[in-house]
Amino acid sequence: MEKKVSIILIFVATLFCIGCGLVSYTGPITGDKVSIYQYRREVYVAKHPELFADEQTKIRVCEGQVWIGMSKSDLKVVMGLWSYPEINRTVTSYGVFEQVVYNGSYYYFEDGKLTAWQN
């Protein structure tokens, strides 16, 4: 019983440290100490370099930046999303317009490229 309690306490303490940023990660792309979120983005970019247009895009994604002209897939990686919570889509003769809603922010895409965002 004592051993079980000790293991649980160690587990809880580890989760606390990770959540507080007391555990640091070295990014595989930047080589810097980074947050868990940036570490996850860097690991994804390192594993899938073919998905990103150029080095500047890789750096922006790793740093969690949002920029005009980014693709929806870049936004997914930046936000750490596996799927979009909500997409409102409008198809017209001028193109496809989408509004991605995530965590109280709105991201507007025209033909797959980010044209504006609102938070």
Protein backbone atom coordinates (compact mmCIF):
# COMPACT_ATOMS: atom_id res chain seq x y z
CA MET A 1 0.00 0.00 0.00
CA GLU A 2 2.81 2.40 0.91
CA LYS A 3 4.53 1.70 -2.39
CA LYS A 4 1.32 2.44 -4.30
CA VAL A 5 0.90 5.79 -2.51
CA SER A 6 4.54 6.70 -3.25
CA ILE A 7 4.10 5.94 -6.94
CA ILE A 8 0.95 8.03 -7.09
CA LEU A 9 2.67 10.95 -5.34
CA ILE A 10 5.61 10.78 -7.75
CA PHE A 11 3.21 10.70 -10.69
CA VAL A 12 1.24 13.71 -9.41
CA ALA A 13 4.46 15.65 -8.70
CA THR A 14 5.71 14.92 -12.22
CA LEU A 15 2.47 16.15 -13.76
CA PHE A 16 2.65 19.28 -11.61
CA CYS A 17 6.22 19.99 -12.70
CA ILE A 18 5.38 19.50 -16.37
CA GLY A 19 2.35 21.77 -16.09
CA CYS A 20 4.34 24.48 -14.32
CA GLY A 21 7.14 24.42 -16.84
CA LEU A 22 9.67 23.14 -14.31
CA VAL A 23 10.60 20.35 -16.71
CA SER A 24 12.37 21.74 -19.74
CA TYR A 25 12.59 20.30 -23.23
CA THR A 26 15.22 20.81 -25.89
CA GLY A 27 13.66 21.46 -29.27
CA PRO A 28 14.97 19.14 -31.99
CA ILE A 29 14.95 21.94 -34.56
CA THR A 30 16.04 25.03 -32.60
CA GLY A 31 18.20 23.24 -30.05
CA ASP A 32 16.84 25.68 -27.45
CA LYS A 33 15.06 24.93 -24.20
CA VAL A 34 11.39 25.26 -25.05
CA SER A 35 7.92 24.72 -23.58
CA ILE A 36 6.15 21.40 -23.99
CA TYR A 37 3.92 23.00 -26.64
CA GLN A 38 6.82 24.24 -28.76
CA TYR A 39 8.60 20.92 -28.25
CA ARG A 40 5.58 19.06 -29.66
CA ARG A 41 5.42 21.42 -32.66
CA GLU A 42 9.16 20.99 -33.31
CA VAL A 43 8.92 17.20 -33.12
CA TYR A 44 6.04 17.25 -35.61
CA VAL A 45 7.92 19.51 -38.02
CA ALA A 46 11.07 17.39 -37.69
CA LYS A 47 9.12 14.22 -38.47
CA HIS A 48 7.17 15.73 -41.38
CA PRO A 49 9.41 18.33 -43.11
CA GLU A 50 7.74 17.64 -46.45
CA LEU A 51 4.49 19.20 -45.19
CA PHE A 52 5.95 22.69 -44.87
CA ALA A 53 6.66 25.03 -47.77
CA ASP A 54 10.05 26.37 -46.68
CA GLU A 55 12.38 26.95 -43.73
CA GLN A 56 10.62 30.19 -42.74
CA THR A 57 7.31 28.32 -42.48
CA LYS A 58 8.93 25.62 -40.32
CA ILE A 59 10.34 28.25 -37.94
CA ARG A 60 7.02 30.08 -37.69
CA VAL A 61 5.14 26.86 -36.97
CA CYS A 62 7.70 25.80 -34.35
CA GLU A 63 7.35 29.17 -32.61
CA GLY A 64 3.54 28.98 -32.66
CA GLN A 65 3.05 32.03 -34.87
CA VAL A 66 -0.14 32.74 -36.81
CA TRP A 67 0.31 34.67 -40.06
CA ILE A 68 -1.64 35.79 -43.12
CA GLY A 69 -1.23 33.27 -45.90
CA MET A 70 -0.66 30.23 -43.69
CA SER A 71 -2.45 27.01 -44.61
CA LYS A 72 -5.11 25.28 -42.52
CA SER A 73 -2.72 22.41 -41.86
CA ASP A 74 -0.12 24.88 -40.51
CA LEU A 75 -2.79 26.31 -38.18
CA LYS A 76 -3.60 22.81 -36.93
CA VAL A 77 0.02 22.24 -35.94
CA VAL A 78 0.42 25.71 -34.38
CA MET A 79 -2.71 25.23 -32.28
CA GLY A 80 -1.95 21.61 -31.45
CA LEU A 81 -5.21 20.43 -32.96
CA TRP A 82 -5.91 16.97 -34.36
CA SER A 83 -9.18 18.23 -35.79
CA TYR A 84 -10.98 21.55 -35.92
CA PRO A 85 -13.65 22.11 -33.27
CA GLU A 86 -15.92 23.97 -35.71
CA ILE A 87 -15.72 24.99 -39.37
CA ASN A 88 -18.30 27.19 -41.09
CA ARG A 89 -17.92 26.85 -44.87
CA THR A 90 -19.30 29.00 -47.69
CA VAL A 91 -18.88 28.03 -51.34
CA THR A 92 -19.46 30.73 -53.97
CA SER A 93 -18.49 31.33 -57.58
CA TYR A 94 -15.59 33.42 -56.19
CA GLY A 95 -14.12 30.58 -54.13
CA VAL A 96 -14.38 28.64 -50.89
CA PHE A 97 -14.53 30.66 -47.68
CA GLU A 98 -14.10 28.99 -44.30
CA GLN A 99 -14.31 30.22 -40.74
CA VAL A 100 -12.45 28.04 -38.24
CA VAL A 101 -13.59 28.60 -34.66
CA TYR A 102 -11.16 27.61 -31.94
CA ASN A 103 -11.00 28.61 -28.28
CA GLY A 104 -12.92 31.86 -28.74
CA SER A 105 -10.93 32.93 -31.82
CA TYR A 106 -12.03 33.00 -35.45
CA TYR A 107 -9.73 32.22 -38.36
CA TYR A 108 -10.86 33.09 -41.89
CA PHE A 109 -9.60 31.16 -44.91
CA GLU A 110 -10.09 31.76 -48.61
CA ASP A 111 -9.20 28.81 -50.83
CA GLY A 112 -7.19 27.22 -48.01
CA LYS A 113 -5.10 30.28 -47.05
CA LEU A 114 -5.55 32.40 -43.91
CA THR A 115 -6.76 35.91 -44.79
CA ALA A 116 -7.75 37.21 -41.35
CA TRP A 117 -8.30 36.26 -37.72
CA GLN A 118 -10.22 37.69 -34.83
CA ASN A 119 -9.90 37.03 -31.12
